[in-house]
N, C-alpha and C. Protein backbone atom coordinates (compact mmCIF):
# COMPACT_ATOMS: atom_id res chain seq x y z
N MET A 1 149.48 -100.36 40.54
CA MET A 1 148.16 -99.83 40.83
C MET A 1 147.22 -100.04 39.65
N PHE A 2 147.67 -99.79 38.43
CA PHE A 2 146.80 -99.88 37.27
C PHE A 2 146.78 -101.27 36.66
N LYS A 3 147.43 -102.24 37.26
CA LYS A 3 147.48 -103.58 36.70
C LYS A 3 146.45 -104.52 37.31
N LYS A 4 145.83 -104.14 38.40
CA LYS A 4 144.84 -105.00 39.04
C LYS A 4 143.57 -105.07 38.21
N ASP A 5 142.93 -106.23 38.24
CA ASP A 5 141.64 -106.41 37.59
C ASP A 5 140.70 -107.07 38.59
N ASN A 6 140.03 -106.24 39.38
CA ASN A 6 139.22 -106.72 40.47
C ASN A 6 138.01 -105.79 40.63
N PHE A 7 136.83 -106.37 40.79
CA PHE A 7 135.60 -105.60 40.91
C PHE A 7 135.64 -104.68 42.13
N ILE A 8 136.07 -105.21 43.27
CA ILE A 8 136.11 -104.41 44.51
C ILE A 8 137.09 -103.25 44.35
N TYR A 9 138.23 -103.51 43.73
CA TYR A 9 139.21 -102.45 43.47
C TYR A 9 138.58 -101.35 42.61
N GLY A 10 137.80 -101.73 41.62
CA GLY A 10 137.11 -100.76 40.79
C GLY A 10 136.11 -99.94 41.58
N CYS A 11 135.40 -100.60 42.51
CA CYS A 11 134.45 -99.88 43.36
C CYS A 11 135.16 -98.87 44.25
N VAL A 12 136.29 -99.27 44.82
CA VAL A 12 137.05 -98.36 45.68
C VAL A 12 137.55 -97.17 44.87
N LEU A 13 138.10 -97.43 43.68
CA LEU A 13 138.53 -96.34 42.81
C LEU A 13 137.34 -95.44 42.44
N GLY A 14 136.19 -96.06 42.19
CA GLY A 14 135.00 -95.31 41.82
C GLY A 14 134.47 -94.43 42.93
N ILE A 15 134.75 -94.80 44.16
CA ILE A 15 134.34 -93.98 45.29
C ILE A 15 135.34 -92.84 45.51
N LEU A 16 136.62 -93.14 45.37
CA LEU A 16 137.66 -92.15 45.66
C LEU A 16 137.86 -91.13 44.55
N ALA A 17 137.73 -91.53 43.30
CA ALA A 17 138.01 -90.63 42.17
C ALA A 17 137.13 -89.37 42.17
N PRO A 18 135.81 -89.47 42.39
CA PRO A 18 135.01 -88.24 42.43
C PRO A 18 135.39 -87.33 43.60
N LEU A 19 135.84 -87.91 44.69
CA LEU A 19 136.29 -87.08 45.81
C LEU A 19 137.53 -86.28 45.42
N VAL A 20 138.43 -86.91 44.67
CA VAL A 20 139.60 -86.19 44.16
C VAL A 20 139.13 -85.10 43.19
N GLY A 21 138.13 -85.41 42.37
CA GLY A 21 137.58 -84.41 41.46
C GLY A 21 136.99 -83.22 42.19
N LEU A 22 136.31 -83.49 43.30
CA LEU A 22 135.76 -82.39 44.11
C LEU A 22 136.87 -81.55 44.73
N LEU A 23 137.95 -82.19 45.16
CA LEU A 23 139.08 -81.44 45.71
C LEU A 23 139.70 -80.54 44.65
N ILE A 24 139.85 -81.05 43.45
CA ILE A 24 140.39 -80.24 42.36
C ILE A 24 139.47 -79.06 42.08
N LEU A 25 138.16 -79.31 42.03
CA LEU A 25 137.19 -78.24 41.81
C LEU A 25 137.28 -77.19 42.92
N LYS A 26 137.39 -77.64 44.15
CA LYS A 26 137.47 -76.72 45.29
C LYS A 26 138.68 -75.81 45.16
N TYR A 27 139.83 -76.38 44.85
CA TYR A 27 141.05 -75.56 44.77
C TYR A 27 141.09 -74.67 43.54
N ARG A 28 140.47 -75.10 42.44
CA ARG A 28 140.49 -74.28 41.23
C ARG A 28 139.49 -73.14 41.28
N LYS A 29 138.30 -73.40 41.82
CA LYS A 29 137.24 -72.38 41.82
C LYS A 29 137.09 -71.63 43.14
N PHE A 30 137.34 -72.31 44.24
CA PHE A 30 137.08 -71.73 45.56
C PHE A 30 138.30 -71.85 46.47
N GLY A 31 139.47 -71.55 45.98
CA GLY A 31 140.71 -71.75 46.72
C GLY A 31 140.77 -71.01 48.05
N MET A 32 140.15 -69.84 48.13
CA MET A 32 140.26 -69.04 49.34
C MET A 32 139.26 -69.44 50.42
N LEU A 33 138.26 -70.22 50.09
CA LEU A 33 137.23 -70.61 51.05
C LEU A 33 137.59 -71.93 51.72
N SER A 34 137.06 -72.13 52.93
CA SER A 34 137.24 -73.41 53.61
C SER A 34 136.29 -74.44 52.99
N TYR A 35 136.52 -75.71 53.31
CA TYR A 35 135.64 -76.76 52.78
C TYR A 35 134.20 -76.54 53.21
N LYS A 36 134.01 -76.17 54.47
CA LYS A 36 132.66 -75.94 54.98
C LYS A 36 131.98 -74.81 54.22
N GLU A 37 132.69 -73.71 53.99
CA GLU A 37 132.12 -72.58 53.27
C GLU A 37 131.79 -72.94 51.82
N VAL A 38 132.64 -73.73 51.20
CA VAL A 38 132.39 -74.14 49.81
C VAL A 38 131.11 -74.96 49.72
N PHE A 39 130.96 -75.96 50.60
CA PHE A 39 129.78 -76.80 50.52
C PHE A 39 128.51 -76.06 50.95
N GLN A 40 128.64 -75.12 51.88
CA GLN A 40 127.48 -74.29 52.21
C GLN A 40 127.07 -73.44 51.01
N PHE A 41 128.05 -72.85 50.35
CA PHE A 41 127.78 -72.03 49.17
C PHE A 41 127.13 -72.86 48.07
N LEU A 42 127.69 -74.04 47.81
CA LEU A 42 127.14 -74.89 46.75
C LEU A 42 125.73 -75.36 47.08
N TYR A 43 125.51 -75.72 48.34
CA TYR A 43 124.21 -76.26 48.74
C TYR A 43 123.13 -75.19 48.79
N LEU A 44 123.48 -73.98 49.17
CA LEU A 44 122.48 -72.93 49.35
C LEU A 44 122.07 -72.23 48.06
N GLN A 45 122.68 -72.56 46.96
CA GLN A 45 122.29 -71.98 45.68
C GLN A 45 120.88 -72.44 45.32
N PRO A 46 120.06 -71.56 44.76
CA PRO A 46 118.70 -71.97 44.37
C PRO A 46 118.74 -73.12 43.37
N GLY A 47 117.96 -74.14 43.66
CA GLY A 47 117.88 -75.30 42.77
C GLY A 47 119.08 -76.21 42.87
N HIS A 48 119.98 -75.92 43.77
CA HIS A 48 121.20 -76.72 43.97
C HIS A 48 121.96 -76.91 42.66
N GLY A 49 121.89 -75.93 41.78
CA GLY A 49 122.52 -76.04 40.47
C GLY A 49 124.02 -76.20 40.54
N LEU A 50 124.67 -75.47 41.43
CA LEU A 50 126.12 -75.55 41.50
C LEU A 50 126.61 -76.85 42.11
N ILE A 51 125.89 -77.37 43.10
CA ILE A 51 126.35 -78.62 43.71
C ILE A 51 126.20 -79.79 42.74
N THR A 52 125.11 -79.82 42.00
CA THR A 52 124.96 -80.91 41.03
C THR A 52 125.96 -80.76 39.89
N ALA A 53 126.24 -79.53 39.49
CA ALA A 53 127.25 -79.32 38.45
C ALA A 53 128.63 -79.73 38.95
N GLY A 54 128.94 -79.39 40.18
CA GLY A 54 130.23 -79.78 40.76
C GLY A 54 130.37 -81.28 40.89
N LEU A 55 129.32 -81.94 41.33
CA LEU A 55 129.37 -83.40 41.45
C LEU A 55 129.46 -84.06 40.08
N THR A 56 128.77 -83.50 39.11
CA THR A 56 128.83 -84.05 37.76
C THR A 56 130.24 -83.92 37.19
N VAL A 57 130.86 -82.78 37.40
CA VAL A 57 132.24 -82.59 36.94
C VAL A 57 133.18 -83.56 37.65
N SER A 58 132.92 -83.80 38.93
CA SER A 58 133.79 -84.73 39.66
C SER A 58 133.68 -86.15 39.12
N LEU A 59 132.56 -86.50 38.52
CA LEU A 59 132.41 -87.83 37.93
C LEU A 59 133.26 -88.01 36.68
N MET A 60 133.79 -86.92 36.15
CA MET A 60 134.69 -87.04 35.00
C MET A 60 135.94 -87.85 35.37
N MET A 61 136.33 -87.80 36.62
CA MET A 61 137.47 -88.63 37.06
C MET A 61 137.13 -90.11 36.87
N ASN A 62 135.89 -90.50 37.19
CA ASN A 62 135.48 -91.88 36.97
C ASN A 62 135.46 -92.22 35.49
N ALA A 63 135.01 -91.30 34.67
CA ALA A 63 134.97 -91.55 33.23
C ALA A 63 136.37 -91.77 32.67
N ILE A 64 137.32 -90.99 33.14
CA ILE A 64 138.71 -91.14 32.69
C ILE A 64 139.26 -92.50 33.11
N LEU A 65 139.06 -92.86 34.38
CA LEU A 65 139.54 -94.16 34.87
C LEU A 65 138.83 -95.31 34.17
N PHE A 66 137.52 -95.19 33.98
CA PHE A 66 136.76 -96.24 33.30
C PHE A 66 137.30 -96.48 31.90
N THR A 67 137.52 -95.41 31.16
CA THR A 67 138.04 -95.53 29.80
C THR A 67 139.42 -96.18 29.81
N PHE A 68 140.26 -95.78 30.75
CA PHE A 68 141.60 -96.35 30.84
C PHE A 68 141.53 -97.86 31.10
N TYR A 69 140.73 -98.28 32.07
CA TYR A 69 140.69 -99.69 32.43
C TYR A 69 140.02 -100.54 31.35
N ILE A 70 138.99 -100.05 30.73
CA ILE A 70 138.34 -100.82 29.66
C ILE A 70 139.28 -100.95 28.46
N ASN A 71 139.98 -99.88 28.10
CA ASN A 71 140.91 -99.95 26.97
C ASN A 71 142.09 -100.87 27.24
N ASN A 72 142.43 -101.07 28.51
CA ASN A 72 143.53 -101.97 28.88
C ASN A 72 143.04 -103.36 29.27
N LYS A 73 141.81 -103.69 28.89
CA LYS A 73 141.23 -105.02 29.10
C LYS A 73 141.14 -105.43 30.57
N LYS A 74 140.92 -104.47 31.43
CA LYS A 74 140.69 -104.73 32.86
C LYS A 74 139.20 -104.58 33.12
N ASP A 75 138.44 -105.56 32.63
CA ASP A 75 136.99 -105.45 32.62
C ASP A 75 136.36 -105.47 34.01
N GLN A 76 136.89 -106.26 34.92
CA GLN A 76 136.30 -106.32 36.26
C GLN A 76 136.44 -104.98 36.99
N THR A 77 137.60 -104.37 36.87
CA THR A 77 137.81 -103.05 37.47
C THR A 77 136.89 -102.03 36.81
N GLY A 78 136.75 -102.13 35.50
CA GLY A 78 135.84 -101.24 34.77
C GLY A 78 134.40 -101.40 35.23
N LYS A 79 134.00 -102.64 35.50
CA LYS A 79 132.63 -102.87 36.00
C LYS A 79 132.43 -102.21 37.37
N GLY A 80 133.41 -102.32 38.24
CA GLY A 80 133.32 -101.67 39.55
C GLY A 80 133.21 -100.16 39.43
N LEU A 81 134.01 -99.59 38.54
CA LEU A 81 133.93 -98.15 38.29
C LEU A 81 132.57 -97.77 37.73
N PHE A 82 132.05 -98.58 36.82
CA PHE A 82 130.76 -98.28 36.21
C PHE A 82 129.64 -98.31 37.26
N VAL A 83 129.65 -99.32 38.11
CA VAL A 83 128.60 -99.45 39.14
C VAL A 83 128.61 -98.23 40.07
N THR A 84 129.79 -97.83 40.53
CA THR A 84 129.83 -96.68 41.44
C THR A 84 129.48 -95.39 40.71
N THR A 85 129.80 -95.29 39.43
CA THR A 85 129.43 -94.11 38.67
C THR A 85 127.91 -94.00 38.54
N VAL A 86 127.25 -95.13 38.30
CA VAL A 86 125.79 -95.13 38.21
C VAL A 86 125.18 -94.74 39.55
N ILE A 87 125.73 -95.26 40.64
CA ILE A 87 125.21 -94.91 41.97
C ILE A 87 125.39 -93.42 42.24
N TYR A 88 126.57 -92.88 41.95
CA TYR A 88 126.79 -91.44 42.09
C TYR A 88 125.81 -90.65 41.23
N GLY A 89 125.58 -91.11 40.01
CA GLY A 89 124.65 -90.42 39.11
C GLY A 89 123.25 -90.36 39.68
N VAL A 90 122.78 -91.47 40.25
CA VAL A 90 121.45 -91.50 40.86
C VAL A 90 121.39 -90.54 42.05
N VAL A 91 122.45 -90.52 42.85
CA VAL A 91 122.48 -89.60 43.99
C VAL A 91 122.45 -88.15 43.52
N ILE A 92 123.20 -87.84 42.48
CA ILE A 92 123.23 -86.47 41.96
C ILE A 92 121.86 -86.06 41.44
N LEU A 93 121.21 -86.94 40.69
CA LEU A 93 119.87 -86.64 40.19
C LEU A 93 118.87 -86.50 41.33
N SER A 94 119.01 -87.32 42.36
CA SER A 94 118.13 -87.21 43.53
C SER A 94 118.29 -85.87 44.22
N ILE A 95 119.53 -85.43 44.37
CA ILE A 95 119.78 -84.12 44.99
C ILE A 95 119.15 -83.03 44.15
N LYS A 96 119.33 -83.13 42.85
CA LYS A 96 118.85 -82.08 41.95
C LYS A 96 117.32 -81.98 41.95
N TYR A 97 116.64 -83.11 41.91
CA TYR A 97 115.19 -83.07 41.72
C TYR A 97 114.37 -83.27 42.99
N LEU A 98 114.95 -83.80 44.04
CA LEU A 98 114.17 -84.05 45.25
C LEU A 98 114.42 -83.02 46.35
N CYS A 99 115.52 -82.33 46.31
CA CYS A 99 115.83 -81.35 47.38
C CYS A 99 115.37 -79.97 47.01
């Protein structure tokens, strides 16, 4: 799994890793609530502060993977991770400032 060096593979990892981060956040902070209740709670907070904080924390999974792949000279996979991280970042900022 960690030996591939492919841009598309990096993009797929970059899409899936923040979702895993959100699942970890859900179970650590909101274990007793359902997924629907968690996202309603996060979205209904004034200024959407909790949802943007949660999404930002979930991007740490991408940062960990990006560092791993770049340090192991898997540059194409790192580029895919970087591109999806930037896209997630733009989406998070859009949610924070436009909603």
